Amino acid sequence: MSTAPDQNGGKPPRSNLQLRVMSALVLGAAVLAVTWLGGLPFRLMSAAIAAAIFYEWVAMRRTPLPRWHVVLSAALLAIVLVLTIAGQAAVTVFAALAGALLLAGLSGLIAGRGLTAMAGLAYAAAPALALVHLRGDDQSGLIAILFLFAVVWTTDVMAYFIGRTLGGAKLAPSISPGKTWSGAIGGAIFAVVAGVIFAFHDSAVHGVALVAAVALVLAIVSELGDLFESAVKRRQGVKDSGNLIPGHGGVMDRVDGLMAAALVFYLLAALLAGPETPAHAFFTF
């Protein structure tokens, strides 16, 4: 989850910044506690995030989707999440997700609304499943998730402060006018530093150079995920994806970079160590 205001954005009012920081600290502590517990609590948290993202994705549409189409897509998501909460194997839940996406896509075409709901289902569910199977039930999974948090949160915080301090050329002015190249580059550099520090302090890491490279990839993906969510909001004409989190907006607003990075991290790790124990690709005990 994001722990800072929008990266490199304009200066928020002091009271709003304080509210953001307080909310971030509370949420961060809660997330870390659930991550430490792992198992069912972590699966429930990941499922709740996916459900909130899908709700916000549908709710922010300029033109509402047909109710029956939304209900069907939500039911398909629920099936996938129930399987995930029940602790089914990665192959099973990702196969279920593939089937759910197919049905959601077909119903969208029948409804004449294209693949909007299917895209929202994929955007909500795939990263959540990645988080669950990265965490797994062992120490390697715990370290993998903590590494992911360290990289993404460092990227977010340092991109904001460096961009705010240095300013300079805009990164994507048509999508998110506040973001700068200085913030994006600075955030990525500090993310690599955080990854290297993490590696030096954990004997389970498979090489500092490998972890640094992964940290760089995840930092870039996190920033792209942030930009993607900004583009979605701009297209729908909304400032925030929701108003659930005080001072922050919606769930999508806070986890956009994290969810993108989690999915890429899982895919990289699963290619190296298999879909059921992906964390072992980088961290083993």
C-alpha atoms as a PDB file:
ATOM      1  CA  MET A   1       0.000   0.000   0.000  1.00  0.00           C
ATOM      2  CA  SER A   2       1.113   3.495  -0.691  1.00  0.00           C
ATOM      3  CA  THR A   3       2.496   5.413   2.275  1.00  0.00           C
ATOM      4  CA  ALA A   4       2.790   8.893   0.793  1.00  0.00           C
ATOM      5  CA  PRO A   5       0.684  11.439  -1.077  1.00  0.00           C
ATOM      6  CA  ASP A   6       0.470  11.103  -4.850  1.00  0.00           C
ATOM      7  CA  GLN A   7       4.004  10.803  -6.150  1.00  0.00           C
ATOM      8  CA  ASN A   8       5.596  14.113  -7.087  1.00  0.00           C
ATOM      9  CA  GLY A   9       2.227  15.851  -6.948  1.00  0.00           C
ATOM     10  CA  GLY A  10       1.443  19.372  -5.837  1.00  0.00           C
ATOM     11  CA  LYS A  11       1.786  20.250  -2.184  1.00  0.00           C
ATOM     12  CA  PRO A  12      -1.350  19.180  -0.298  1.00  0.00           C
ATOM     13  CA  PRO A  13      -2.688  21.282   2.573  1.00  0.00           C
ATOM     14  CA  ARG A  14      -0.751  20.592   5.760  1.00  0.00           C
ATOM     15  CA  SER A  15      -3.810  19.150   7.551  1.00  0.00           C
ATOM     16  CA  ASN A  16      -4.497  16.827   4.643  1.00  0.00           C
ATOM     17  CA  LEU A  17      -0.873  15.693   4.568  1.00  0.00           C
ATOM     18  CA  GLN A  18      -1.039  14.914   8.282  1.00  0.00           C
ATOM     19  CA  LEU A  19      -4.236  12.922   7.752  1.00  0.00           C
ATOM     20  CA  ARG A  20      -2.593  10.997   4.925  1.00  0.00           C
ATOM     21  CA  VAL A  21       0.443  10.174   7.043  1.00  0.00           C
ATOM     22  CA  MET A  22      -1.662   9.070  10.002  1.00  0.00           C
ATOM     23  CA  SER A  23      -3.857   6.867   7.800  1.00  0.00           C
ATOM     24  CA  ALA A  24      -0.788   5.405   6.112  1.00  0.00           C
ATOM     25  CA  LEU A  25       0.848   4.548   9.434  1.00  0.00           C
ATOM     26  CA  VAL A  26      -2.268   2.839  10.751  1.00  0.00           C
ATOM     27  CA  LEU A  27      -2.856   0.926   7.522  1.00  0.00           C
ATOM     28  CA  GLY A  28       0.818   0.012   7.210  1.00  0.00           C
ATOM     29  CA  ALA A  29       0.923  -1.394  10.742  1.00  0.00           C
ATOM     30  CA  ALA A  30      -2.246  -3.409  10.133  1.00  0.00           C
ATOM     31  CA  VAL A  31      -0.968  -4.783   6.827  1.00  0.00           C
ATOM     32  CA  LEU A  32       2.380  -5.764   8.329  1.00  0.00           C
ATOM     33  CA  ALA A  33       0.641  -7.535  11.212  1.00  0.00           C
ATOM     34  CA  VAL A  34      -1.572  -9.539   8.856  1.00  0.00           C
ATOM     35  CA  THR A  35       1.413 -10.305   6.625  1.00  0.00           C
ATOM     36  CA  TRP A  36       3.307 -11.636   9.636  1.00  0.00           C
ATOM     37  CA  LEU A  37       0.375 -13.905  10.505  1.00  0.00           C
ATOM     38  CA  GLY A  38       0.040 -15.163   6.927  1.00  0.00           C
ATOM     39  CA  GLY A  39      -2.340 -18.033   6.248  1.00  0.00           C
ATOM     40  CA  LEU A  40      -6.065 -17.329   6.390  1.00  0.00           C
ATOM     41  CA  PRO A  41      -5.769 -13.721   7.661  1.00  0.00           C
ATOM     42  CA  PHE A  42      -3.523 -12.793   4.730  1.00  0.00           C
ATOM     43  CA  ARG A  43      -5.785 -14.551   2.219  1.00  0.00           C
ATOM     44  CA  LEU A  44      -8.803 -12.724   3.639  1.00  0.00           C
ATOM     45  CA  MET A  45      -7.011  -9.372   3.411  1.00  0.00           C
ATOM     46  CA  SER A  46      -5.970 -10.000  -0.191  1.00  0.00           C
ATOM     47  CA  ALA A  47      -9.502 -11.055  -1.115  1.00  0.00           C
ATOM     48  CA  ALA A  48     -10.931  -7.927   0.529  1.00  0.00           C
ATOM     49  CA  ILE A  49      -8.544  -5.747  -1.468  1.00  0.00           C
ATOM     50  CA  ALA A  50      -9.596  -7.479  -4.696  1.00  0.00           C
ATOM     51  CA  ALA A  51     -13.295  -7.033  -3.903  1.00  0.00           C
ATOM     52  CA  ALA A  52     -12.810  -3.326  -3.106  1.00  0.00           C
ATOM     53  CA  ILE A  53     -10.847  -2.740  -6.313  1.00  0.00           C
ATOM     54  CA  PHE A  54     -13.528  -4.388  -8.436  1.00  0.00           C
ATOM     55  CA  TYR A  55     -16.256  -2.355  -6.726  1.00  0.00           C
ATOM     56  CA  GLU A  56     -14.378   0.906  -7.340  1.00  0.00           C
ATOM     57  CA  TRP A  57     -13.598  -0.061 -10.930  1.00  0.00           C
ATOM     58  CA  VAL A  58     -17.296  -0.529 -11.667  1.00  0.00           C
ATOM     59  CA  ALA A  59     -18.506   2.411  -9.565  1.00  0.00           C
ATOM     60  CA  MET A  60     -16.310   5.005 -11.305  1.00  0.00           C
ATOM     61  CA  ARG A  61     -17.681   4.247 -14.792  1.00  0.00           C
ATOM     62  CA  ARG A  62     -19.064   7.310 -16.586  1.00  0.00           C
ATOM     63  CA  THR A  63     -21.767   5.085 -18.084  1.00  0.00           C
ATOM     64  CA  PRO A  64     -23.073   2.495 -15.612  1.00  0.00           C
ATOM     65  CA  LEU A  65     -22.837  -1.137 -16.650  1.00  0.00           C
ATOM     66  CA  PRO A  66     -26.034  -3.246 -16.805  1.00  0.00           C
ATOM     67  CA  ARG A  67     -26.866  -4.519 -13.338  1.00  0.00           C
ATOM     68  CA  TRP A  68     -27.092  -8.168 -14.387  1.00  0.00           C
ATOM     69  CA  HIS A  69     -23.657  -7.956 -16.001  1.00  0.00           C
ATOM     70  CA  VAL A  70     -22.118  -6.447 -12.862  1.00  0.00           C
ATOM     71  CA  VAL A  71     -23.775  -9.038 -10.626  1.00  0.00           C
ATOM     72  CA  LEU A  72     -22.563 -11.895 -12.814  1.00  0.00           C
ATOM     73  CA  SER A  73     -19.010 -10.530 -12.922  1.00  0.00           C
ATOM     74  CA  ALA A  74     -19.021  -9.981  -9.155  1.00  0.00           C
ATOM     75  CA  ALA A  75     -20.258 -13.544  -8.626  1.00  0.00           C
ATOM     76  CA  LEU A  76     -17.456 -14.869 -10.812  1.00  0.00           C
ATOM     77  CA  LEU A  77     -14.945 -12.859  -8.798  1.00  0.00           C
ATOM     78  CA  ALA A  78     -16.468 -14.207  -5.589  1.00  0.00           C
ATOM     79  CA  ILE A  79     -15.981 -17.792  -6.756  1.00  0.00           C
ATOM     80  CA  VAL A  80     -12.304 -17.135  -7.470  1.00  0.00           C
ATOM     81  CA  LEU A  81     -11.823 -15.416  -4.109  1.00  0.00           C
ATOM     82  CA  VAL A  82     -13.577 -18.191  -2.181  1.00  0.00           C
ATOM     83  CA  LEU A  83     -11.214 -20.714  -3.760  1.00  0.00           C
ATOM     84  CA  THR A  84      -8.313 -18.467  -2.807  1.00  0.00           C
ATOM     85  CA  ILE A  85      -9.475 -18.035   0.785  1.00  0.00           C
ATOM     86  CA  ALA A  86      -9.929 -21.807   1.024  1.00  0.00           C
ATOM     87  CA  GLY A  87      -6.223 -22.196   0.246  1.00  0.00           C
ATOM     88  CA  GLN A  88      -6.533 -23.938  -3.113  1.00  0.00           C
ATOM     89  CA  ALA A  89      -3.416 -24.437  -5.231  1.00  0.00           C
ATOM     90  CA  ALA A  90      -2.201 -21.633  -7.481  1.00  0.00           C
ATOM     91  CA  VAL A  91      -2.881 -23.668 -10.619  1.00  0.00           C
ATOM     92  CA  THR A  92      -6.490 -24.173  -9.504  1.00  0.00           C
ATOM     93  CA  VAL A  93      -7.259 -20.550  -8.657  1.00  0.00           C
ATOM     94  CA  PHE A  94      -5.572 -19.119 -11.741  1.00  0.00           C
ATOM     95  CA  ALA A  95      -7.461 -21.617 -13.907  1.00  0.00           C
ATOM     96  CA  ALA A  96     -10.669 -20.510 -12.190  1.00  0.00           C
ATOM     97  CA  LEU A  97      -9.735 -16.893 -12.870  1.00  0.00           C
ATOM     98  CA  ALA A  98      -9.173 -17.665 -16.551  1.00  0.00           C
ATOM     99  CA  GLY A  99     -12.640 -19.208 -16.749  1.00  0.00           C
ATOM    100  CA  ALA A 100     -14.170 -16.272 -14.893  1.00  0.00           C
ATOM    101  CA  LEU A 101     -12.538 -13.807 -17.275  1.00  0.00           C
ATOM    102  CA  LEU A 102     -13.858 -15.719 -20.280  1.00  0.00           C
ATOM    103  CA  LEU A 103     -17.421 -15.695 -18.940  1.00  0.00           C
ATOM    104  CA  ALA A 104     -17.226 -12.038 -17.908  1.00  0.00           C
ATOM    105  CA  GLY A 105     -15.917 -11.131 -21.345  1.00  0.00           C
ATOM    106  CA  LEU A 106     -18.681 -13.025 -23.122  1.00  0.00           C
ATOM    107  CA  SER A 107     -21.368 -11.454 -20.941  1.00  0.00           C
ATOM    108  CA  GLY A 108     -19.892  -8.017 -21.627  1.00  0.00           C
ATOM    109  CA  LEU A 109     -20.089  -8.581 -25.368  1.00  0.00           C
ATOM    110  CA  ILE A 110     -23.665  -9.803 -25.025  1.00  0.00           C
ATOM    111  CA  ALA A 111     -24.528  -6.711 -22.981  1.00  0.00           C
ATOM    112  CA  GLY A 112     -22.926  -4.488 -25.601  1.00  0.00           C
ATOM    113  CA  ARG A 113     -20.450  -3.032 -23.089  1.00  0.00           C
ATOM    114  CA  GLY A 114     -17.278  -4.669 -24.310  1.00  0.00           C
ATOM    115  CA  LEU A 115     -14.666  -5.992 -21.921  1.00  0.00           C
ATOM    116  CA  THR A 116     -14.889  -3.349 -19.192  1.00  0.00           C
ATOM    117  CA  ALA A 117     -16.033  -5.672 -16.411  1.00  0.00           C
ATOM    118  CA  MET A 118     -13.650  -8.401 -17.529  1.00  0.00           C
ATOM    119  CA  ALA A 119     -10.753  -5.935 -17.375  1.00  0.00           C
ATOM    120  CA  GLY A 120     -11.825  -4.860 -13.896  1.00  0.00           C
ATOM    121  CA  LEU A 121     -12.061  -8.473 -12.769  1.00  0.00           C
ATOM    122  CA  ALA A 122      -8.541  -9.167 -14.038  1.00  0.00           C
ATOM    123  CA  TYR A 123      -7.198  -5.941 -12.530  1.00  0.00           C
ATOM    124  CA  ALA A 124      -8.682  -6.806  -9.148  1.00  0.00           C
ATOM    125  CA  ALA A 125      -8.117 -10.555  -8.936  1.00  0.00           C
ATOM    126  CA  ALA A 126      -4.816 -11.377 -10.646  1.00  0.00           C
ATOM    127  CA  PRO A 127      -2.579  -9.253  -8.359  1.00  0.00           C
ATOM    128  CA  ALA A 128      -4.481 -10.422  -5.268  1.00  0.00           C
ATOM    129  CA  LEU A 129      -3.875 -14.061  -6.207  1.00  0.00           C
ATOM    130  CA  ALA A 130      -0.235 -13.188  -6.829  1.00  0.00           C
ATOM    131  CA  LEU A 131       0.052 -11.714  -3.329  1.00  0.00           C
ATOM    132  CA  VAL A 132      -1.514 -14.798  -1.748  1.00  0.00           C
ATOM    133  CA  HIS A 133       0.778 -17.255  -3.495  1.00  0.00           C
ATOM    134  CA  LEU A 134       3.875 -15.143  -3.015  1.00  0.00           C
ATOM    135  CA  ARG A 135       3.167 -15.143   0.726  1.00  0.00           C
ATOM    136  CA  GLY A 136       2.355 -18.843   0.918  1.00  0.00           C
ATOM    137  CA  ASP A 137       2.723 -20.396   4.360  1.00  0.00           C
ATOM    138  CA  ASP A 138       6.455 -20.375   4.967  1.00  0.00           C
ATOM    139  CA  GLN A 139       9.244 -18.019   5.971  1.00  0.00           C
ATOM    140  CA  SER A 140      10.390 -17.538   2.377  1.00  0.00           C
ATOM    141  CA  GLY A 141       6.985 -16.151   1.484  1.00  0.00           C
ATOM    142  CA  LEU A 142       7.042 -13.764   4.427  1.00  0.00           C
ATOM    143  CA  ILE A 143      10.434 -12.416   3.373  1.00  0.00           C
ATOM    144  CA  ALA A 144       9.261 -12.077  -0.256  1.00  0.00           C
ATOM    145  CA  ILE A 145       6.250  -9.976   0.733  1.00  0.00           C
ATOM    146  CA  LEU A 146       8.294  -7.808   3.097  1.00  0.00           C
ATOM    147  CA  PHE A 147      10.789  -7.260   0.283  1.00  0.00           C
ATOM    148  CA  LEU A 148       7.944  -6.281  -2.055  1.00  0.00           C
ATOM    149  CA  PHE A 149       6.588  -3.813   0.499  1.00  0.00           C
ATOM    150  CA  ALA A 150      10.022  -2.336   1.118  1.00  0.00           C
ATOM    151  CA  VAL A 151      10.635  -1.728  -2.584  1.00  0.00           C
ATOM    152  CA  VAL A 152       7.193  -0.360  -3.444  1.00  0.00           C
ATOM    153  CA  TRP A 153       6.844   1.838  -0.368  1.00  0.00           C
ATOM    154  CA  THR A 154      10.352   3.234  -0.833  1.00  0.00           C
ATOM    155  CA  THR A 155       9.603   3.976  -4.483  1.00  0.00           C
ATOM    156  CA  ASP A 156       6.399   5.779  -3.573  1.00  0.00           C
ATOM    157  CA  VAL A 157       7.742   7.831  -0.685  1.00  0.00           C
ATOM    158  CA  MET A 158      11.033   8.851  -2.302  1.00  0.00           C
ATOM    159  CA  ALA A 159       9.430   9.618  -5.668  1.00  0.00           C
ATOM    160  CA  TYR A 160       7.098  12.035  -3.902  1.00  0.00           C
ATOM    161  CA  PHE A 161       9.749  13.820  -1.858  1.00  0.00           C
ATOM    162  CA  ILE A 162      12.419  13.942  -4.576  1.00  0.00           C
ATOM    163  CA  GLY A 163       9.929  15.127  -7.172  1.00  0.00           C
ATOM    164  CA  ARG A 164       8.610  17.754  -4.784  1.00  0.00           C
ATOM    165  CA  THR A 165      12.133  18.944  -3.957  1.00  0.00           C
ATOM    166  CA  LEU A 166      13.776  18.882  -7.384  1.00  0.00           C
ATOM    167  CA  GLY A 167      10.820  19.342  -9.724  1.00  0.00           C
ATOM    168  CA  GLY A 168      11.826  19.414 -13.374  1.00  0.00           C
ATOM    169  CA  ALA A 169      10.388  17.829 -16.500  1.00  0.00           C
ATOM    170  CA  LYS A 170       7.001  16.173 -16.214  1.00  0.00           C
ATOM    171  CA  LEU A 171       6.859  12.408 -16.524  1.00  0.00           C
ATOM    172  CA  ALA A 172       3.424  12.103 -18.140  1.00  0.00           C
ATOM    173  CA  PRO A 173       1.684  15.494 -18.074  1.00  0.00           C
ATOM    174  CA  SER A 174      -1.381  14.316 -19.988  1.00  0.00           C
ATOM    175  CA  ILE A 175      -2.002  11.555 -17.420  1.00  0.00           C
ATOM    176  CA  SER A 176      -0.695  12.857 -14.102  1.00  0.00           C
ATOM    177  CA  PRO A 177       0.603  16.442 -14.328  1.00  0.00           C
ATOM    178  CA  GLY A 178       2.273  16.372 -10.917  1.00  0.00           C
ATOM    179  CA  LYS A 179       4.691  13.519 -11.558  1.00  0.00           C
ATOM    180  CA  THR A 180       8.242  14.337 -12.640  1.00  0.00           C
ATOM    181  CA  TRP A 181      11.140  12.445 -14.141  1.00  0.00           C
ATOM    182  CA  SER A 182      13.292  13.407 -11.170  1.00  0.00           C
ATOM    183  CA  GLY A 183      10.800  11.776  -8.812  1.00  0.00           C
ATOM    184  CA  ALA A 184      10.445   8.649 -10.916  1.00  0.00           C
ATOM    185  CA  ILE A 185      14.208   8.152 -11.279  1.00  0.00           C
ATOM    186  CA  GLY A 186      14.913   9.036  -7.660  1.00  0.00           C
ATOM    187  CA  GLY A 187      12.220   6.664  -6.434  1.00  0.00           C
ATOM    188  CA  ALA A 188      13.652   3.814  -8.497  1.00  0.00           C
ATOM    189  CA  ILE A 189      17.209   4.458  -7.300  1.00  0.00           C
ATOM    190  CA  PHE A 190      16.207   4.458  -3.659  1.00  0.00           C
ATOM    191  CA  ALA A 191      14.124   1.326  -4.217  1.00  0.00           C
ATOM    192  CA  VAL A 192      17.248  -0.466  -5.428  1.00  0.00           C
ATOM    193  CA  VAL A 193      19.122   0.809  -2.378  1.00  0.00           C
ATOM    194  CA  ALA A 194      16.332  -0.503  -0.149  1.00  0.00           C
ATOM    195  CA  GLY A 195      16.491  -3.865  -1.930  1.00  0.00           C
ATOM    196  CA  VAL A 196      20.251  -4.099  -1.470  1.00  0.00           C
ATOM    197  CA  ILE A 197      20.002  -3.182   2.224  1.00  0.00           C
ATOM    198  CA  PHE A 198      17.310  -5.824   2.572  1.00  0.00           C
ATOM    199  CA  ALA A 199      19.588  -8.374   0.904  1.00  0.00           C
ATOM    200  CA  PHE A 200      22.543  -7.605   3.158  1.00  0.00           C
ATOM    201  CA  HIS A 201      20.396  -8.113   6.236  1.00  0.00           C
ATOM    202  CA  ASP A 202      18.828 -11.418   5.196  1.00  0.00           C
ATOM    203  CA  SER A 203      20.832 -14.615   4.835  1.00  0.00           C
ATOM    204  CA  ALA A 204      18.050 -16.215   2.775  1.00  0.00           C
ATOM    205  CA  VAL A 205      18.611 -13.930  -0.232  1.00  0.00           C
ATOM    206  CA  HIS A 206      19.933 -15.525  -3.432  1.00  0.00           C
ATOM    207  CA  GLY A 207      22.538 -12.911  -4.305  1.00  0.00           C
ATOM    208  CA  VAL A 208      22.599  -9.148  -3.857  1.00  0.00           C
ATOM    209  CA  ALA A 209      22.899  -8.402  -7.590  1.00  0.00           C
ATOM    210  CA  LEU A 210      19.811 -10.474  -8.378  1.00  0.00           C
ATOM    211  CA  VAL A 211      17.779  -8.791  -5.660  1.00  0.00           C
ATOM    212  CA  ALA A 212      18.926  -5.336  -6.818  1.00  0.00           C
ATOM    213  CA  ALA A 213      17.830  -6.126 -10.379  1.00  0.00           C
ATOM    214  CA  VAL A 214      14.458  -7.372  -9.189  1.00  0.00           C
ATOM    215  CA  ALA A 215      14.040  -4.267  -7.025  1.00  0.00           C
ATOM    216  CA  LEU A 216      14.659  -2.038 -10.050  1.00  0.00           C
ATOM    217  CA  VAL A 217      12.096  -3.933 -12.139  1.00  0.00           C
ATOM    218  CA  LEU A 218       9.506  -3.780  -9.361  1.00  0.00           C
ATOM    219  CA  ALA A 219      10.110  -0.057  -8.800  1.00  0.00           C
ATOM    220  CA  ILE A 220       9.533   0.697 -12.487  1.00  0.00           C
ATOM    221  CA  VAL A 221       6.447  -1.518 -12.604  1.00  0.00           C
ATOM    222  CA  SER A 222       5.099   0.136  -9.456  1.00  0.00           C
ATOM    223  CA  GLU A 223       5.422   3.576 -11.051  1.00  0.00           C
ATOM    224  CA  LEU A 224       3.760   2.323 -14.247  1.00  0.00           C
ATOM    225  CA  GLY A 225       0.946   0.872 -12.174  1.00  0.00           C
ATOM    226  CA  ASP A 226       0.445   4.269 -10.567  1.00  0.00           C
ATOM    227  CA  LEU A 227       0.319   5.923 -13.984  1.00  0.00           C
ATOM    228  CA  PHE A 228      -2.123   3.335 -15.308  1.00  0.00           C
ATOM    229  CA  GLU A 229      -4.548   3.965 -12.459  1.00  0.00           C
ATOM    230  CA  SER A 230      -4.215   7.726 -12.997  1.00  0.00           C
ATOM    231  CA  ALA A 231      -5.046   7.225 -16.675  1.00  0.00           C
ATOM    232  CA  VAL A 232      -8.134   5.178 -15.778  1.00  0.00           C
ATOM    233  CA  LYS A 233      -9.365   7.869 -13.393  1.00  0.00           C
ATOM    234  CA  ARG A 234      -8.708  10.649 -15.902  1.00  0.00           C
ATOM    235  CA  ARG A 235     -10.646   8.766 -18.567  1.00  0.00           C
ATOM    236  CA  GLN A 236     -13.588   8.367 -16.194  1.00  0.00           C
ATOM    237  CA  GLY A 237     -13.389  11.973 -15.012  1.00  0.00           C
ATOM    238  CA  VAL A 238     -12.823  11.262 -11.315  1.00  0.00           C
ATOM    239  CA  LYS A 239     -10.171  12.497  -8.898  1.00  0.00           C
ATOM    240  CA  ASP A 240     -10.169   9.472  -6.585  1.00  0.00           C
ATOM    241  CA  SER A 241     -11.284   5.892  -7.080  1.00  0.00           C
ATOM    242  CA  GLY A 242     -13.346   6.118  -3.885  1.00  0.00           C
ATOM    243  CA  ASN A 243     -13.414   7.648  -0.415  1.00  0.00           C
ATOM    244  CA  LEU A 244     -12.883   4.666   1.863  1.00  0.00           C
ATOM    245  CA  ILE A 245      -9.499   5.710   3.279  1.00  0.00           C
ATOM    246  CA  PRO A 246      -9.329   9.066   5.116  1.00  0.00           C
ATOM    247  CA  GLY A 247      -7.039  11.488   3.312  1.00  0.00           C
ATOM    248  CA  HIS A 248      -6.192   8.974   0.606  1.00  0.00           C
ATOM    249  CA  GLY A 249      -9.272   8.214  -1.455  1.00  0.00           C
ATOM    250  CA  GLY A 250     -10.103   4.708  -2.528  1.00  0.00           C
ATOM    251  CA  VAL A 251      -8.368   1.361  -2.242  1.00  0.00           C
ATOM    252  CA  MET A 252      -7.233   1.526  -5.867  1.00  0.00           C
ATOM    253  CA  ASP A 253      -5.565   4.859  -5.139  1.00  0.00           C
ATOM    254  CA  ARG A 254      -3.435   3.278  -2.424  1.00  0.00           C
ATOM    255  CA  VAL A 255      -2.503  -0.078  -3.926  1.00  0.00           C
ATOM    256  CA  ASP A 256      -2.135   0.691  -7.637  1.00  0.00           C
ATOM    257  CA  GLY A 257       1.650   0.403  -7.678  1.00  0.00           C
ATOM    258  CA  LEU A 258       1.762  -2.446  -5.171  1.00  0.00           C
ATOM    259  CA  MET A 259      -0.662  -4.646  -7.079  1.00  0.00           C
ATOM    260  CA  ALA A 260       1.130  -4.146 -10.382  1.00  0.00           C
ATOM    261  CA  ALA A 261       4.482  -4.958  -8.774  1.00  0.00           C
ATOM    262  CA  ALA A 262       3.039  -7.983  -6.953  1.00  0.00           C
ATOM    263  CA  LEU A 263       1.775  -9.512 -10.193  1.00  0.00           C
ATOM    264  CA  VAL A 264       5.082  -9.024 -12.004  1.00  0.00           C
ATOM    265  CA  PHE A 265       7.039 -10.281  -8.989  1.00  0.00           C
ATOM    266  CA  TYR A 266       4.899 -13.411  -8.851  1.00  0.00           C
ATOM    267  CA  LEU A 267       5.256 -14.083 -12.592  1.00  0.00           C
ATOM    268  CA  LEU A 268       9.048 -13.699 -12.449  1.00  0.00           C
ATOM    269  CA  ALA A 269       9.326 -15.907  -9.381  1.00  0.00           C
ATOM    270  CA  ALA A 270       6.893 -18.534 -10.673  1.00  0.00           C
ATOM    271  CA  LEU A 271       8.908 -18.885 -13.872  1.00  0.00           C
ATOM    272  CA  LEU A 272      11.991 -19.658 -11.792  1.00  0.00           C
ATOM    273  CA  ALA A 273      10.569 -21.726  -8.928  1.00  0.00           C
ATOM    274  CA  GLY A 274       7.084 -22.804  -9.983  1.00  0.00           C
ATOM    275  CA  PRO A 275       3.621 -21.374  -9.263  1.00  0.00           C
ATOM    276  CA  GLU A 276       3.168 -22.976  -5.833  1.00  0.00           C
ATOM    277  CA  THR A 277       6.382 -21.812  -4.122  1.00  0.00           C
ATOM    278  CA  PRO A 278       7.489 -18.757  -6.136  1.00  0.00           C
ATOM    279  CA  ALA A 279       9.197 -17.046  -3.206  1.00  0.00           C
ATOM    280  CA  HIS A 280      11.839 -19.786  -3.218  1.00  0.00           C
ATOM    281  CA  ALA A 281      13.212 -18.308  -6.428  1.00  0.00           C
ATOM    282  CA  PHE A 282      14.759 -15.483  -4.418  1.00  0.00           C
ATOM    283  CA  PHE A 283      14.526 -16.425  -0.726  1.00  0.00           C
ATOM    284  CA  THR A 284      15.008 -19.861   0.821  1.00  0.00           C
ATOM    285  CA  PHE A 285      15.768 -21.171   4.303  1.00  0.00           C
END
